[in-house]
Amino acid sequence: MYSPIKTDEKTLARRELQVERKQLSIEMRENFRGRFLRIVEKCGGKTNVVIIPDTGINDFFAAFDEVIAETNAHDGNAPQG
């Protein structure tokens, strides 16, 4: 099927990691609309994708850090890694 939307994308940076059974890919990509963070999770034949425009990346990670800090404060745990 033909799509009139231009889909040329360039990968600027990419990292892959495995966490338990999940294969994760984190990419900074760019297309005609701008840059975006693309997070792909593959597990058991299923794929999930989260895309965050570059204008929201700082807010995303700030919220991410807050959630982890709040969870650790409740559990009394330090981050693992």
Foldseek 3Di string as FASTA:
>chain_A
DDDPDDDDKDWPDKDWDDDVQKTWIWTWMADPVGIWIWIWIDGPNDIDIDIGGPVCPVVVVVVVVVVVVVVCVVVVHDDDD
